[in-house]
Structures are given as structure tokens and as C-alpha cells.
């Protein structure tokens, strides 16, 4: 006689990030496209200072800052926070990758 095995139900924890855009390089600038929000440009000189941890970039649309760990780049656009890995930003700016992901922080 066989018995029915028990099922353990687990709720899958979802990430605090939701993929919602992309970034590309245009000239010396990093251009961020947020789905259904718009296009935002970060000049290369501001990006270099930010990635070096020497300050935040402030713009009419918001700001850009390095995470405390130095591994993420945060964008605050219209009161909404977005993030992307610094390694992906560097790969795009160095021409190793054509584009990279932008995620909304939930």
C-alpha cells in the first residue's frame, strides 16, 4: 500500500528589482531609456566622477549616485528609483556590450 507524499508549499521570494529599461552609449554619454517614461542622458564627465565615488550627478530630471558598496549605480528620476550594476555600465561605456539593463527598485 502506498501513501501519498506530503507537499511543502513555499512562496517564491521575488527580487526587489523589476527590469524596465536599457542603457546605451552615445558618444561620450550614457543614455538611459526607461520604458513609458523617457530618455535620460548622463554626460561622460559626470559619469566618470560618479563612478569614482567623488560625487553625485544632479540634473533637471533627477540624480545619479553610486551605491554604498560601489557595485550599483542608482538613478532617481521623477521620484522613482532605478538601478543598474556598475560592471554593466563600464562594459557599455568601454564598448564591450552594446546595451545594458535598467531595473526599477520596488
Protein backbone atom coordinates (compact mmCIF):
# COMPACT_ATOMS: atom_id res chain seq x y z
CA UNK A 1 0.00 0.00 0.00
CA UNK A 2 1.49 3.37 -0.99
CA UNK A 3 0.99 6.60 0.86
CA UNK A 4 0.65 9.97 -0.65
CA UNK A 5 3.72 12.12 -0.11
CA UNK A 6 3.35 15.47 1.56
CA UNK A 7 3.85 18.63 -0.40
CA UNK A 8 5.63 21.54 1.09
CA UNK A 9 4.44 24.81 -0.29
CA UNK A 10 6.92 27.65 -0.44
CA UNK A 11 6.30 31.13 -1.56
CA UNK A 12 8.86 32.25 -4.09
CA UNK A 13 10.52 35.43 -2.96
CA UNK A 14 10.75 37.94 -5.74
CA UNK A 15 13.60 40.29 -6.32
CA UNK A 16 13.31 43.90 -5.29
CA UNK A 17 14.09 44.84 -8.89
CA UNK A 18 11.91 44.92 -11.99
CA UNK A 19 13.56 45.17 -15.42
CA UNK A 20 12.13 48.28 -17.05
CA UNK A 21 14.65 49.82 -19.41
CA UNK A 22 18.06 49.82 -21.02
CA UNK A 23 21.16 51.93 -21.42
CA UNK A 24 23.41 52.55 -24.41
CA UNK A 25 26.44 54.65 -25.19
CA UNK A 26 26.07 57.67 -27.46
CA UNK A 27 29.39 59.40 -28.00
CA UNK A 28 30.86 60.03 -24.55
CA UNK A 29 27.47 59.88 -22.81
CA UNK A 30 25.44 57.11 -21.24
CA UNK A 31 21.84 57.27 -22.42
CA UNK A 32 19.16 55.62 -20.29
CA UNK A 33 15.77 54.65 -21.71
CA UNK A 34 13.04 53.89 -19.15
CA UNK A 35 10.00 52.17 -20.66
CA UNK A 36 7.00 54.51 -20.87
CA UNK A 37 8.93 57.25 -19.00
CA UNK A 38 11.56 58.64 -21.34
CA UNK A 39 15.18 59.13 -22.36
CA UNK A 40 17.80 60.49 -19.95
CA UNK A 41 21.40 61.40 -20.78
CA UNK A 42 24.36 61.27 -18.40
CA UNK A 43 27.44 63.07 -19.79
CA UNK A 44 30.65 61.04 -19.66
CA UNK A 45 32.47 63.51 -17.39
CA UNK A 46 29.66 63.35 -14.80
CA UNK A 47 29.54 59.55 -15.06
CA UNK A 48 33.31 59.29 -14.50
CA UNK A 49 33.13 61.43 -11.34
CA UNK A 50 30.14 59.44 -10.05
CA UNK A 51 31.71 56.02 -10.73
CA UNK A 52 34.90 57.15 -8.96
CA UNK A 53 32.79 57.88 -5.88
CA UNK A 54 33.66 61.59 -5.95
CA UNK A 55 30.12 62.94 -6.11
CA UNK A 56 26.60 62.61 -7.43
CA UNK A 57 25.36 63.86 -10.77
CA UNK A 58 22.40 66.24 -10.47
CA UNK A 59 20.17 67.02 -13.43
CA UNK A 60 16.83 68.67 -14.15
CA UNK A 61 15.28 65.18 -14.34
CA UNK A 62 16.85 63.82 -11.12
CA UNK A 63 20.21 62.50 -9.98
CA UNK A 64 22.73 59.68 -10.37
CA UNK A 65 24.74 58.21 -7.49
CA UNK A 66 26.98 55.28 -6.67
CA UNK A 67 25.70 52.68 -4.21
CA UNK A 68 27.39 52.35 -0.81
CA UNK A 69 29.04 49.09 -1.94
CA UNK A 70 30.25 50.68 -5.18
CA UNK A 71 28.70 47.86 -7.21
CA UNK A 72 25.50 49.60 -8.28
CA UNK A 73 24.56 52.85 -9.96
CA UNK A 74 21.32 54.43 -8.76
CA UNK A 75 19.18 56.82 -10.77
CA UNK A 76 16.42 58.85 -9.17
CA UNK A 77 14.07 60.01 -11.90
CA UNK A 78 10.88 61.84 -11.03
CA UNK A 79 10.84 60.40 -7.51
CA UNK A 80 11.26 56.80 -8.72
CA UNK A 81 14.49 54.85 -8.06
CA UNK A 82 16.23 52.76 -10.70
CA UNK A 83 19.46 50.76 -10.58
CA UNK A 84 22.00 49.03 -12.77
CA UNK A 85 25.23 47.17 -11.99
CA UNK A 86 28.39 49.30 -12.32
CA UNK A 87 30.08 46.42 -14.17
CA UNK A 88 27.40 46.67 -16.89
CA UNK A 89 27.80 50.47 -17.09
CA UNK A 90 31.54 50.06 -17.58
CA UNK A 91 31.05 47.33 -20.21
CA UNK A 92 28.69 49.58 -22.19
CA UNK A 93 30.94 52.63 -21.91
CA UNK A 94 34.02 50.59 -22.91
CA UNK A 95 32.21 49.17 -25.94
CA UNK A 96 32.26 45.56 -24.68
CA UNK A 97 28.44 45.47 -24.55
CA UNK A 98 26.12 47.40 -26.86
CA UNK A 99 23.45 47.84 -24.19
CA UNK A 100 22.72 47.06 -20.55
CA UNK A 101 19.71 46.63 -18.25
CA UNK A 102 17.99 49.22 -16.07
CA UNK A 103 15.75 48.00 -13.24
CA UNK A 104 13.14 49.75 -11.16
CA UNK A 105 13.64 49.35 -7.41
CA UNK A 106 10.38 48.16 -5.83
